[in-house]
N, C-alpha and C. Protein backbone atom coordinates (compact mmCIF):
# COMPACT_ATOMS: atom_id res chain seq x y z
N MET A 1 -23.04 68.80 17.60
CA MET A 1 -23.99 69.04 16.52
C MET A 1 -23.44 68.51 15.22
N ALA A 2 -24.33 68.06 14.35
CA ALA A 2 -23.91 67.47 13.08
C ALA A 2 -23.21 68.51 12.21
N SER A 3 -22.35 68.01 11.35
CA SER A 3 -21.57 68.91 10.51
C SER A 3 -22.36 69.43 9.32
N ALA A 4 -23.44 68.74 8.94
CA ALA A 4 -24.21 69.17 7.78
C ALA A 4 -25.65 68.71 7.92
N PRO A 5 -26.62 69.51 7.46
CA PRO A 5 -28.03 69.10 7.53
C PRO A 5 -28.42 68.24 6.35
N TYR A 6 -29.60 67.65 6.42
CA TYR A 6 -30.15 66.97 5.26
C TYR A 6 -30.49 68.00 4.19
N THR A 7 -30.20 67.68 2.95
CA THR A 7 -30.57 68.55 1.84
C THR A 7 -30.92 67.68 0.64
N PRO A 8 -32.15 67.64 0.21
CA PRO A 8 -33.31 68.26 0.83
C PRO A 8 -33.92 67.36 1.89
N PHE A 9 -34.92 67.86 2.60
CA PHE A 9 -35.60 67.01 3.57
C PHE A 9 -36.42 65.96 2.84
N PHE A 10 -36.68 64.84 3.50
CA PHE A 10 -37.21 63.67 2.79
C PHE A 10 -38.72 63.65 2.63
N VAL A 11 -39.48 64.54 3.30
CA VAL A 11 -40.92 64.60 3.12
C VAL A 11 -41.26 65.89 2.36
N PRO A 12 -41.91 65.80 1.21
CA PRO A 12 -42.22 67.00 0.42
C PRO A 12 -42.99 68.04 1.23
N GLU A 13 -42.60 69.27 1.07
CA GLU A 13 -43.22 70.36 1.82
C GLU A 13 -44.71 70.45 1.57
N GLN A 14 -45.16 70.17 0.34
CA GLN A 14 -46.58 70.30 0.04
C GLN A 14 -47.42 69.30 0.82
N ILE A 15 -46.84 68.16 1.18
CA ILE A 15 -47.57 67.19 2.00
C ILE A 15 -47.75 67.72 3.42
N LEU A 16 -46.69 68.25 3.98
CA LEU A 16 -46.77 68.76 5.35
C LEU A 16 -47.65 70.00 5.44
N ALA A 17 -47.62 70.82 4.40
CA ALA A 17 -48.34 72.08 4.44
C ALA A 17 -49.84 71.90 4.26
N THR A 18 -50.27 70.81 3.66
CA THR A 18 -51.69 70.63 3.36
C THR A 18 -52.36 69.59 4.24
N SER A 19 -51.68 69.11 5.28
CA SER A 19 -52.24 68.07 6.14
C SER A 19 -52.27 68.53 7.59
N ASN A 20 -53.32 68.12 8.28
CA ASN A 20 -53.42 68.45 9.70
C ASN A 20 -52.43 67.63 10.51
N GLN A 21 -51.89 68.25 11.54
CA GLN A 21 -50.99 67.56 12.45
C GLN A 21 -51.69 67.41 13.79
N HIS A 22 -52.18 66.23 14.09
CA HIS A 22 -52.94 65.99 15.31
C HIS A 22 -52.01 65.88 16.51
N SER A 23 -52.55 66.14 17.69
CA SER A 23 -51.76 66.13 18.91
C SER A 23 -51.31 64.72 19.31
N GLN A 24 -52.09 63.71 18.99
CA GLN A 24 -51.77 62.32 19.27
C GLN A 24 -51.38 62.10 20.74
N PRO A 25 -52.32 62.31 21.66
CA PRO A 25 -52.01 62.16 23.09
C PRO A 25 -51.62 60.74 23.48
N GLN A 26 -51.97 59.74 22.66
CA GLN A 26 -51.62 58.37 22.99
C GLN A 26 -50.13 58.09 22.77
N SER A 27 -49.43 58.98 22.10
CA SER A 27 -48.00 58.79 21.86
C SER A 27 -47.18 59.45 22.96
N GLU A 28 -46.52 58.64 23.77
CA GLU A 28 -45.68 59.18 24.83
C GLU A 28 -44.51 59.97 24.25
N LEU A 29 -44.00 59.53 23.13
CA LEU A 29 -42.87 60.22 22.52
C LEU A 29 -43.22 61.65 22.15
N LEU A 30 -44.41 61.85 21.54
CA LEU A 30 -44.79 63.17 21.08
C LEU A 30 -45.21 64.10 22.21
N GLN A 31 -45.37 63.56 23.42
CA GLN A 31 -45.72 64.41 24.55
C GLN A 31 -44.48 65.00 25.22
N LEU A 32 -43.31 64.54 24.83
CA LEU A 32 -42.08 65.06 25.43
C LEU A 32 -41.82 66.49 24.98
N PRO A 33 -41.19 67.30 25.82
CA PRO A 33 -40.82 68.67 25.41
C PRO A 33 -39.88 68.63 24.21
N ASN A 34 -39.93 69.68 23.41
CA ASN A 34 -39.09 69.73 22.23
C ASN A 34 -37.61 69.60 22.56
N GLU A 35 -37.21 70.14 23.71
CA GLU A 35 -35.79 70.07 24.08
C GLU A 35 -35.33 68.63 24.26
N ILE A 36 -36.19 67.79 24.80
CA ILE A 36 -35.84 66.38 24.99
C ILE A 36 -35.84 65.66 23.65
N LEU A 37 -36.80 66.00 22.80
CA LEU A 37 -36.83 65.39 21.47
C LEU A 37 -35.56 65.73 20.68
N VAL A 38 -35.10 66.97 20.81
CA VAL A 38 -33.87 67.36 20.14
C VAL A 38 -32.69 66.55 20.67
N THR A 39 -32.65 66.32 21.99
CA THR A 39 -31.59 65.52 22.58
C THR A 39 -31.61 64.09 22.03
N ILE A 40 -32.81 63.53 21.89
CA ILE A 40 -32.95 62.19 21.32
C ILE A 40 -32.42 62.17 19.89
N VAL A 41 -32.81 63.17 19.10
CA VAL A 41 -32.37 63.24 17.71
C VAL A 41 -30.84 63.32 17.63
N GLU A 42 -30.24 64.10 18.53
CA GLU A 42 -28.78 64.23 18.52
C GLU A 42 -28.09 62.92 18.89
N LYS A 43 -28.74 62.11 19.73
CA LYS A 43 -28.14 60.85 20.17
C LYS A 43 -28.27 59.76 19.11
N VAL A 44 -29.25 59.87 18.24
CA VAL A 44 -29.43 58.88 17.18
C VAL A 44 -28.51 59.28 16.03
N GLU A 45 -27.37 58.64 15.95
CA GLU A 45 -26.35 59.06 15.00
C GLU A 45 -26.45 58.38 13.64
N ILE A 46 -27.47 57.54 13.47
CA ILE A 46 -27.62 56.83 12.20
C ILE A 46 -28.72 57.54 11.39
N PRO A 47 -28.36 58.21 10.31
CA PRO A 47 -29.33 59.05 9.58
C PRO A 47 -30.58 58.33 9.11
N HIS A 48 -30.46 57.09 8.59
CA HIS A 48 -31.65 56.47 8.02
C HIS A 48 -32.66 56.08 9.10
N TYR A 49 -32.24 55.94 10.37
CA TYR A 49 -33.22 55.76 11.43
C TYR A 49 -34.11 57.00 11.55
N LEU A 50 -33.49 58.17 11.42
CA LEU A 50 -34.26 59.41 11.56
C LEU A 50 -35.16 59.65 10.36
N VAL A 51 -34.75 59.17 9.19
CA VAL A 51 -35.63 59.26 8.03
C VAL A 51 -36.92 58.51 8.30
N VAL A 52 -36.78 57.27 8.80
CA VAL A 52 -37.96 56.45 9.08
C VAL A 52 -38.76 57.04 10.23
N LEU A 53 -38.08 57.60 11.23
CA LEU A 53 -38.79 58.26 12.32
C LEU A 53 -39.63 59.41 11.78
N GLY A 54 -39.09 60.17 10.84
CA GLY A 54 -39.84 61.27 10.25
C GLY A 54 -41.02 60.81 9.42
N LEU A 55 -41.00 59.57 8.98
CA LEU A 55 -42.11 59.04 8.19
C LEU A 55 -43.22 58.45 9.04
N THR A 56 -43.05 58.41 10.36
CA THR A 56 -44.08 57.82 11.22
C THR A 56 -45.32 58.69 11.31
N CYS A 57 -45.16 60.01 11.28
CA CYS A 57 -46.31 60.91 11.32
C CYS A 57 -45.88 62.28 10.82
N LYS A 58 -46.85 63.08 10.42
CA LYS A 58 -46.53 64.39 9.86
C LYS A 58 -45.96 65.34 10.91
N ARG A 59 -46.38 65.17 12.15
CA ARG A 59 -45.86 66.06 13.19
C ARG A 59 -44.37 65.81 13.40
N MET A 60 -43.96 64.54 13.43
CA MET A 60 -42.55 64.24 13.60
C MET A 60 -41.76 64.67 12.38
N ALA A 61 -42.34 64.52 11.20
CA ALA A 61 -41.65 64.96 9.99
C ALA A 61 -41.42 66.46 10.01
N ALA A 62 -42.42 67.22 10.44
CA ALA A 62 -42.28 68.67 10.52
C ALA A 62 -41.27 69.06 11.59
N PHE A 63 -41.26 68.31 12.70
CA PHE A 63 -40.30 68.58 13.79
C PHE A 63 -38.87 68.42 13.28
N LEU A 64 -38.60 67.33 12.56
CA LEU A 64 -37.26 67.10 12.04
C LEU A 64 -36.91 68.08 10.93
N ARG A 65 -37.90 68.42 10.10
CA ARG A 65 -37.67 69.38 9.03
C ARG A 65 -37.19 70.72 9.59
N ASP A 66 -37.79 71.14 10.70
CA ASP A 66 -37.46 72.45 11.28
C ASP A 66 -36.18 72.43 12.09
N ARG A 67 -35.57 71.24 12.24
CA ARG A 67 -34.34 71.13 13.04
C ARG A 67 -33.27 70.38 12.27
N LYS A 68 -33.12 70.74 11.01
CA LYS A 68 -32.18 70.03 10.14
C LYS A 68 -30.75 70.07 10.67
N ASN A 69 -30.38 71.15 11.34
CA ASN A 69 -29.01 71.29 11.80
C ASN A 69 -28.65 70.30 12.90
N TYR A 70 -29.65 69.63 13.46
CA TYR A 70 -29.40 68.64 14.52
C TYR A 70 -29.29 67.22 13.95
N LEU A 71 -29.57 67.07 12.67
CA LEU A 71 -29.56 65.74 12.07
C LEU A 71 -28.15 65.35 11.66
N PRO A 72 -27.77 64.08 11.83
CA PRO A 72 -26.44 63.64 11.41
C PRO A 72 -26.32 63.68 9.90
N PRO A 73 -25.12 63.88 9.38
CA PRO A 73 -24.94 63.97 7.92
C PRO A 73 -25.19 62.64 7.24
N TRP A 74 -25.74 62.71 6.04
CA TRP A 74 -25.97 61.53 5.22
C TRP A 74 -24.62 60.94 4.81
N ARG A 75 -24.50 59.60 4.83
CA ARG A 75 -23.20 58.96 4.63
C ARG A 75 -23.08 58.18 3.33
N GLY A 76 -24.04 58.31 2.44
CA GLY A 76 -23.91 57.64 1.16
C GLY A 76 -24.53 56.26 1.14
N TYR A 77 -23.78 55.30 0.59
CA TYR A 77 -24.34 53.97 0.34
C TYR A 77 -24.88 53.32 1.59
N GLN A 78 -24.14 53.37 2.70
CA GLN A 78 -24.57 52.64 3.88
C GLN A 78 -25.92 53.11 4.40
N ASP A 79 -26.24 54.38 4.23
CA ASP A 79 -27.53 54.87 4.67
C ASP A 79 -28.62 54.58 3.65
N LYS A 80 -28.28 54.62 2.37
CA LYS A 80 -29.26 54.25 1.34
C LYS A 80 -29.64 52.78 1.49
N GLU A 81 -28.64 51.94 1.76
CA GLU A 81 -28.89 50.52 1.97
C GLU A 81 -29.70 50.28 3.24
N GLY A 82 -29.31 50.97 4.33
CA GLY A 82 -30.03 50.80 5.59
C GLY A 82 -31.47 51.28 5.50
N LEU A 83 -31.68 52.40 4.82
CA LEU A 83 -33.03 52.93 4.64
C LEU A 83 -33.87 51.95 3.82
N TYR A 84 -33.27 51.39 2.78
CA TYR A 84 -34.00 50.43 1.95
C TYR A 84 -34.47 49.24 2.78
N ARG A 85 -33.60 48.70 3.60
CA ARG A 85 -33.97 47.53 4.41
C ARG A 85 -35.08 47.86 5.40
N LEU A 86 -35.04 49.07 5.96
CA LEU A 86 -36.10 49.46 6.90
C LEU A 86 -37.43 49.65 6.18
N LEU A 87 -37.39 50.25 5.01
CA LEU A 87 -38.63 50.58 4.31
C LEU A 87 -39.34 49.37 3.72
N VAL A 88 -38.61 48.27 3.52
CA VAL A 88 -39.24 47.09 2.93
C VAL A 88 -39.47 45.99 3.97
N GLN A 89 -39.31 46.29 5.27
CA GLN A 89 -39.58 45.27 6.28
C GLN A 89 -41.01 44.76 6.09
N SER A 90 -41.17 43.45 6.06
CA SER A 90 -42.47 42.85 5.80
C SER A 90 -43.37 42.91 7.01
N ARG A 91 -44.67 43.16 6.78
CA ARG A 91 -45.63 43.23 7.87
C ARG A 91 -45.84 41.87 8.54
N GLN A 92 -45.43 40.77 7.88
CA GLN A 92 -45.65 39.46 8.47
C GLN A 92 -44.58 39.11 9.51
N PHE A 93 -43.49 39.88 9.56
CA PHE A 93 -42.44 39.59 10.52
C PHE A 93 -42.77 40.20 11.87
N LYS A 94 -42.49 39.47 12.95
CA LYS A 94 -42.62 40.01 14.29
C LYS A 94 -41.35 40.81 14.60
N PRO A 95 -41.45 41.81 15.49
CA PRO A 95 -40.27 42.63 15.79
C PRO A 95 -39.04 41.81 16.17
N LYS A 96 -39.21 40.71 16.89
CA LYS A 96 -38.05 39.92 17.32
C LYS A 96 -37.37 39.24 16.14
N ARG A 97 -38.06 39.15 15.00
CA ARG A 97 -37.49 38.51 13.81
C ARG A 97 -36.97 39.53 12.81
N LEU A 98 -37.08 40.81 13.13
CA LEU A 98 -36.60 41.84 12.23
C LEU A 98 -35.08 41.91 12.26
N SER A 99 -34.51 42.63 11.31
CA SER A 99 -33.08 42.89 11.33
C SER A 99 -32.75 43.76 12.54
N ARG A 100 -31.47 43.90 12.83
CA ARG A 100 -31.07 44.69 13.99
C ARG A 100 -31.58 46.12 13.89
N SER A 101 -31.50 46.70 12.68
CA SER A 101 -32.00 48.06 12.51
C SER A 101 -33.51 48.11 12.69
N GLY A 102 -34.21 47.06 12.21
CA GLY A 102 -35.66 47.02 12.39
C GLY A 102 -36.05 46.87 13.84
N ARG A 103 -35.31 46.05 14.60
CA ARG A 103 -35.60 45.88 16.02
C ARG A 103 -35.36 47.19 16.78
N PHE A 104 -34.30 47.89 16.39
CA PHE A 104 -34.02 49.17 17.05
C PHE A 104 -35.16 50.15 16.81
N LEU A 105 -35.63 50.21 15.57
CA LEU A 105 -36.71 51.14 15.26
C LEU A 105 -37.98 50.78 16.02
N ALA A 106 -38.30 49.47 16.10
CA ALA A 106 -39.48 49.04 16.84
C ALA A 106 -39.36 49.43 18.31
N TRP A 107 -38.15 49.25 18.87
CA TRP A 107 -37.93 49.65 20.26
C TRP A 107 -38.03 51.16 20.42
N PHE A 108 -37.43 51.89 19.48
CA PHE A 108 -37.40 53.34 19.58
C PHE A 108 -38.79 53.93 19.53
N LEU A 109 -39.67 53.32 18.74
CA LEU A 109 -41.04 53.80 18.63
C LEU A 109 -41.97 53.14 19.64
N LYS A 110 -41.40 52.26 20.49
CA LYS A 110 -42.20 51.54 21.50
C LYS A 110 -43.34 50.78 20.83
N SER A 111 -43.01 50.13 19.72
CA SER A 111 -44.04 49.46 18.94
C SER A 111 -44.05 47.97 19.24
N ASP A 112 -45.23 47.42 19.54
CA ASP A 112 -45.38 45.99 19.77
C ASP A 112 -46.00 45.29 18.57
N VAL A 113 -46.17 46.02 17.47
CA VAL A 113 -46.79 45.46 16.27
C VAL A 113 -45.75 45.43 15.16
N PRO A 114 -45.93 44.53 14.20
CA PRO A 114 -44.98 44.48 13.09
C PRO A 114 -44.94 45.81 12.34
N LEU A 115 -43.78 46.15 11.81
CA LEU A 115 -43.63 47.40 11.07
C LEU A 115 -44.35 47.32 9.73
N GLN A 116 -45.03 48.37 9.39
CA GLN A 116 -45.73 48.45 8.10
C GLN A 116 -44.72 48.88 7.04
N PRO A 117 -44.56 48.11 5.98
CA PRO A 117 -43.58 48.49 4.96
C PRO A 117 -44.02 49.72 4.18
N TYR A 118 -43.10 50.64 3.93
CA TYR A 118 -43.40 51.79 3.09
C TYR A 118 -43.25 51.43 1.62
N ILE A 119 -42.33 50.52 1.32
CA ILE A 119 -42.10 50.11 -0.06
C ILE A 119 -42.51 48.64 -0.18
N PRO A 120 -43.51 48.32 -0.99
CA PRO A 120 -43.94 46.92 -1.14
C PRO A 120 -42.88 46.10 -1.86
N ARG A 121 -42.93 44.80 -1.66
CA ARG A 121 -41.94 43.92 -2.29
C ARG A 121 -42.18 43.74 -3.78
N THR A 122 -43.21 44.38 -4.29
CA THR A 122 -43.40 44.39 -5.74
C THR A 122 -42.44 45.38 -6.40
N PHE A 123 -41.71 46.15 -5.59
CA PHE A 123 -40.68 47.06 -6.08
C PHE A 123 -39.32 46.56 -5.59
N ARG A 124 -38.30 46.98 -6.30
CA ARG A 124 -36.95 46.57 -5.92
C ARG A 124 -35.98 47.71 -6.19
N LEU A 125 -34.89 47.73 -5.44
CA LEU A 125 -33.88 48.76 -5.59
C LEU A 125 -32.81 48.30 -6.58
N CYS A 126 -32.66 49.05 -7.67
CA CYS A 126 -31.58 48.78 -8.61
C CYS A 126 -30.28 49.31 -8.02
N ARG A 127 -29.23 48.49 -8.02
CA ARG A 127 -27.97 48.89 -7.39
C ARG A 127 -27.03 49.62 -8.34
N ALA A 128 -27.54 50.08 -9.47
CA ALA A 128 -26.75 50.90 -10.38
C ALA A 128 -27.31 52.32 -10.45
N CYS A 129 -28.64 52.44 -10.67
CA CYS A 129 -29.26 53.78 -10.71
C CYS A 129 -29.87 54.17 -9.38
N PHE A 130 -30.00 53.20 -8.45
CA PHE A 130 -30.57 53.42 -7.12
C PHE A 130 -31.95 54.08 -7.18
N VAL A 131 -32.82 53.44 -7.97
CA VAL A 131 -34.22 53.82 -8.07
C VAL A 131 -35.06 52.60 -7.72
N TYR A 132 -36.16 52.83 -6.98
CA TYR A 132 -37.10 51.75 -6.69
C TYR A 132 -37.99 51.57 -7.90
N LEU A 133 -37.94 50.39 -8.50
CA LEU A 133 -38.66 50.13 -9.74
C LEU A 133 -39.50 48.87 -9.61
N PRO A 134 -40.59 48.77 -10.40
CA PRO A 134 -41.45 47.58 -10.32
C PRO A 134 -40.70 46.32 -10.75
N ARG A 135 -41.07 45.20 -10.13
CA ARG A 135 -40.52 43.91 -10.53
C ARG A 135 -41.49 43.17 -11.46
N SER A 136 -42.50 43.87 -11.93
CA SER A 136 -43.53 43.28 -12.76
C SER A 136 -43.00 42.99 -14.17
N THR A 137 -43.20 41.78 -14.64
CA THR A 137 -42.81 41.42 -16.01
C THR A 137 -43.57 42.27 -17.01
N ALA A 138 -44.87 42.49 -16.76
CA ALA A 138 -45.68 43.28 -17.69
C ALA A 138 -45.15 44.70 -17.83
N TYR A 139 -44.69 45.29 -16.72
CA TYR A 139 -44.15 46.64 -16.75
C TYR A 139 -42.94 46.73 -17.68
N TRP A 140 -42.02 45.78 -17.56
CA TRP A 140 -40.80 45.85 -18.35
C TRP A 140 -41.03 45.43 -19.80
N LEU A 141 -42.02 44.57 -20.04
CA LEU A 141 -42.37 44.25 -21.42
C LEU A 141 -42.92 45.48 -22.12
N GLU A 142 -43.74 46.24 -21.38
CA GLU A 142 -44.31 47.46 -21.96
C GLU A 142 -43.21 48.49 -22.25
N LYS A 143 -42.14 48.48 -21.44
CA LYS A 143 -41.03 49.40 -21.63
C LYS A 143 -40.08 48.96 -22.73
N GLY A 144 -40.31 47.77 -23.27
CA GLY A 144 -39.51 47.32 -24.39
C GLY A 144 -38.30 46.48 -24.02
N PHE A 145 -38.38 45.78 -22.88
CA PHE A 145 -37.25 44.97 -22.44
C PHE A 145 -37.59 43.48 -22.49
N ALA A 146 -38.17 43.07 -23.61
CA ALA A 146 -38.54 41.66 -23.76
C ALA A 146 -37.33 40.75 -23.73
N SER A 147 -36.18 41.23 -24.24
CA SER A 147 -34.99 40.38 -24.25
C SER A 147 -34.53 40.06 -22.83
N TYR A 148 -34.66 41.05 -21.91
CA TYR A 148 -34.28 40.80 -20.51
C TYR A 148 -35.22 39.78 -19.90
N VAL A 149 -36.51 39.92 -20.17
CA VAL A 149 -37.50 38.99 -19.63
C VAL A 149 -37.24 37.59 -20.17
N ASP A 150 -36.90 37.49 -21.44
CA ASP A 150 -36.62 36.19 -22.03
C ASP A 150 -35.36 35.57 -21.41
N ARG A 151 -34.40 36.42 -21.09
CA ARG A 151 -33.12 35.92 -20.56
C ARG A 151 -33.24 35.45 -19.12
N PHE A 152 -33.97 36.22 -18.29
CA PHE A 152 -34.04 35.91 -16.87
C PHE A 152 -35.39 35.34 -16.43
N GLY A 153 -36.46 35.71 -17.13
CA GLY A 153 -37.80 35.32 -16.69
C GLY A 153 -38.09 35.95 -15.33
N THR A 154 -38.81 35.23 -14.49
CA THR A 154 -39.12 35.72 -13.13
C THR A 154 -38.43 34.87 -12.08
N ARG A 155 -37.43 34.11 -12.48
CA ARG A 155 -36.76 33.22 -11.53
C ARG A 155 -35.48 33.82 -10.99
N SER A 156 -34.90 34.76 -11.69
CA SER A 156 -33.64 35.35 -11.23
C SER A 156 -33.56 36.79 -11.71
N GLY A 157 -32.44 37.43 -11.44
CA GLY A 157 -32.28 38.81 -11.85
C GLY A 157 -33.19 39.76 -11.09
N PHE A 158 -33.41 40.93 -11.67
CA PHE A 158 -34.20 41.97 -11.01
C PHE A 158 -35.63 41.53 -10.76
N LEU A 159 -36.17 40.69 -11.61
CA LEU A 159 -37.55 40.25 -11.50
C LEU A 159 -37.71 39.03 -10.61
N GLY A 160 -36.60 38.49 -10.13
CA GLY A 160 -36.63 37.26 -9.34
C GLY A 160 -37.41 37.42 -8.05
N ASP A 161 -38.08 36.39 -7.65
CA ASP A 161 -38.93 36.40 -6.45
C ASP A 161 -38.12 35.94 -5.24
N ASP A 162 -37.21 36.83 -4.78
CA ASP A 162 -36.44 36.52 -3.58
C ASP A 162 -36.63 37.63 -2.56
N ASP A 163 -35.71 37.78 -1.62
CA ASP A 163 -35.91 38.75 -0.54
C ASP A 163 -35.72 40.19 -0.98
N GLY A 164 -35.23 40.42 -2.21
CA GLY A 164 -35.11 41.77 -2.73
C GLY A 164 -33.86 42.51 -2.32
N TYR A 165 -32.93 41.85 -1.58
CA TYR A 165 -31.73 42.55 -1.11
C TYR A 165 -30.51 42.29 -1.99
N GLY A 166 -30.65 41.43 -2.97
CA GLY A 166 -29.50 41.07 -3.79
C GLY A 166 -28.99 42.23 -4.61
N VAL A 167 -27.72 42.13 -5.01
CA VAL A 167 -27.11 43.17 -5.84
C VAL A 167 -27.45 42.87 -7.29
N VAL A 168 -28.51 43.46 -7.79
CA VAL A 168 -28.96 43.23 -9.15
C VAL A 168 -29.28 44.57 -9.82
N LEU A 169 -29.26 44.55 -11.14
CA LEU A 169 -29.55 45.74 -11.92
C LEU A 169 -30.91 45.64 -12.56
N CYS A 170 -31.59 46.77 -12.66
CA CYS A 170 -32.86 46.80 -13.37
C CYS A 170 -32.59 46.54 -14.86
N PRO A 171 -33.58 46.13 -15.63
CA PRO A 171 -33.36 45.86 -17.05
C PRO A 171 -32.75 47.03 -17.82
N ALA A 172 -33.11 48.27 -17.47
CA ALA A 172 -32.56 49.42 -18.19
C ALA A 172 -31.07 49.57 -17.93
N CYS A 173 -30.65 49.44 -16.66
CA CYS A 173 -29.22 49.55 -16.34
C CYS A 173 -28.45 48.36 -16.87
N ASP A 174 -29.10 47.21 -16.89
CA ASP A 174 -28.46 46.02 -17.46
C ASP A 174 -28.19 46.24 -18.95
N GLU A 175 -29.13 46.85 -19.65
CA GLU A 175 -28.95 47.11 -21.07
C GLU A 175 -27.83 48.11 -21.32
N HIS A 176 -27.72 49.13 -20.44
CA HIS A 176 -26.65 50.12 -20.57
C HIS A 176 -25.31 49.60 -20.05
N LYS A 177 -25.35 48.41 -19.42
CA LYS A 177 -24.15 47.82 -18.84
C LYS A 177 -23.53 48.71 -17.77
N TYR A 178 -24.38 49.37 -16.99
CA TYR A 178 -23.90 50.15 -15.87
C TYR A 178 -23.36 49.23 -14.78
N ARG A 179 -22.37 49.71 -14.06
CA ARG A 179 -21.78 48.93 -12.98
C ARG A 179 -22.58 49.11 -11.70
N GLU A 180 -22.76 48.01 -10.97
CA GLU A 180 -23.48 48.09 -9.71
C GLU A 180 -22.53 48.49 -8.58
N ILE A 181 -23.11 49.03 -7.52
CA ILE A 181 -22.37 49.34 -6.30
C ILE A 181 -22.89 48.38 -5.23
N SER A 182 -22.01 47.61 -4.64
CA SER A 182 -22.45 46.53 -3.76
C SER A 182 -22.30 46.84 -2.28
N ASN A 183 -21.46 47.82 -1.91
CA ASN A 183 -21.26 48.12 -0.49
C ASN A 183 -20.61 49.48 -0.34
N GLN A 184 -20.46 49.93 0.91
CA GLN A 184 -19.93 51.26 1.17
C GLN A 184 -18.48 51.41 0.70
N SER A 185 -17.65 50.42 0.95
CA SER A 185 -16.25 50.52 0.55
C SER A 185 -16.12 50.56 -0.97
N ASP A 186 -17.02 49.85 -1.66
CA ASP A 186 -17.04 49.89 -3.12
C ASP A 186 -17.32 51.30 -3.60
N PHE A 187 -18.29 51.96 -2.96
CA PHE A 187 -18.63 53.34 -3.33
C PHE A 187 -17.50 54.30 -2.98
N ASN A 188 -16.91 54.12 -1.77
CA ASN A 188 -15.86 55.03 -1.33
C ASN A 188 -14.60 54.92 -2.18
N SER A 189 -14.40 53.77 -2.81
CA SER A 189 -13.20 53.57 -3.61
C SER A 189 -13.23 54.35 -4.92
N LEU A 190 -14.40 54.85 -5.28
CA LEU A 190 -14.53 55.57 -6.54
C LEU A 190 -14.26 57.06 -6.33
N SER A 191 -13.54 57.64 -7.24
CA SER A 191 -13.37 59.09 -7.21
C SER A 191 -14.63 59.74 -7.75
N ARG A 192 -14.78 61.02 -7.45
CA ARG A 192 -15.95 61.74 -7.97
C ARG A 192 -15.96 61.71 -9.50
N ALA A 193 -14.80 61.85 -10.11
CA ALA A 193 -14.73 61.84 -11.57
C ALA A 193 -15.20 60.50 -12.12
N GLU A 194 -14.82 59.40 -11.45
CA GLU A 194 -15.26 58.08 -11.91
C GLU A 194 -16.76 57.94 -11.80
N ARG A 195 -17.34 58.45 -10.71
CA ARG A 195 -18.77 58.30 -10.53
C ARG A 195 -19.56 59.12 -11.54
N GLU A 196 -18.98 60.21 -12.01
CA GLU A 196 -19.68 61.08 -12.94
C GLU A 196 -19.38 60.74 -14.40
N ASP A 197 -18.40 59.88 -14.64
CA ASP A 197 -17.98 59.57 -16.00
C ASP A 197 -18.75 58.36 -16.52
N MET A 198 -19.72 58.60 -17.41
CA MET A 198 -20.51 57.50 -17.97
C MET A 198 -19.63 56.53 -18.74
N GLY A 199 -18.50 57.03 -19.26
CA GLY A 199 -17.62 56.16 -20.02
C GLY A 199 -17.02 55.04 -19.19
N ARG A 200 -17.02 55.20 -17.88
CA ARG A 200 -16.50 54.15 -17.00
C ARG A 200 -17.60 53.19 -16.57
N GLY A 201 -18.80 53.41 -17.10
CA GLY A 201 -19.84 52.42 -16.87
C GLY A 201 -20.73 52.67 -15.68
N PHE A 202 -20.68 53.87 -15.07
CA PHE A 202 -21.54 54.16 -13.93
C PHE A 202 -22.76 54.97 -14.36
N CYS A 203 -23.87 54.74 -13.72
CA CYS A 203 -25.07 55.52 -14.00
C CYS A 203 -24.78 56.99 -13.73
N PRO A 204 -25.14 57.90 -14.62
CA PRO A 204 -24.85 59.32 -14.40
C PRO A 204 -25.57 59.91 -13.19
N GLU A 205 -26.59 59.22 -12.67
CA GLU A 205 -27.31 59.72 -11.50
C GLU A 205 -26.77 59.16 -10.19
N LEU A 206 -25.73 58.33 -10.25
CA LEU A 206 -25.22 57.66 -9.04
C LEU A 206 -24.82 58.64 -7.95
N GLU A 207 -24.04 59.64 -8.32
CA GLU A 207 -23.55 60.60 -7.32
C GLU A 207 -24.70 61.28 -6.58
N ARG A 208 -25.66 61.78 -7.33
CA ARG A 208 -26.76 62.54 -6.71
C ARG A 208 -27.63 61.64 -5.83
N ARG A 209 -27.94 60.46 -6.31
CA ARG A 209 -28.89 59.62 -5.59
C ARG A 209 -28.31 58.98 -4.34
N LEU A 210 -27.01 58.77 -4.31
CA LEU A 210 -26.42 58.18 -3.11
C LEU A 210 -26.05 59.21 -2.06
N LEU A 211 -25.71 60.40 -2.49
CA LEU A 211 -25.22 61.40 -1.55
C LEU A 211 -26.31 62.31 -1.01
N LYS A 212 -27.57 62.09 -1.42
CA LYS A 212 -28.68 62.84 -0.86
C LYS A 212 -29.75 61.87 -0.42
N PRO A 213 -30.39 62.12 0.73
CA PRO A 213 -31.43 61.22 1.22
C PRO A 213 -32.68 61.24 0.35
């Protein structure tokens, strides 16, 4: 059994409480006894796979919510990064062209159709504050970041029209000169005091946003 549950769960309680959970007889997975589903959950040791599994339907989200103690512990950057890549998988890609994590999820859900992205590519993950923010020039101009737009335009930086996986900072973090986190070892090398000390150039929300799903 996992050493720690998810805290908090990733689907808001008000959504689950106010929506019907249909039986979905066409889903072979949901017809399995709860004991077998728990065994499957225990065997899937990568937390961000289970986050996406919980987002497939409200019944699965409620099932995982009620069995938090069976979920593997969140591991920080590597799961935030993995979750991001799964959530932005493009609908135009076929499963065989997805990343390894995307192919696993397609196989796990027995899906023969491209995965529907939860986060559109009009948003991007800032690698300093770890918030999904719009890549729209108009949005950042309205927020008062004309100098950033003038410096980068829409060809590079956070607003650049690429695959969205690059290590870039949003205009706000760029202005504050916050340091980006580029990989798991980079995050692990920081002490808790360093991550919480704004004087060292890290976003004050870094600790909370990376260590909770």
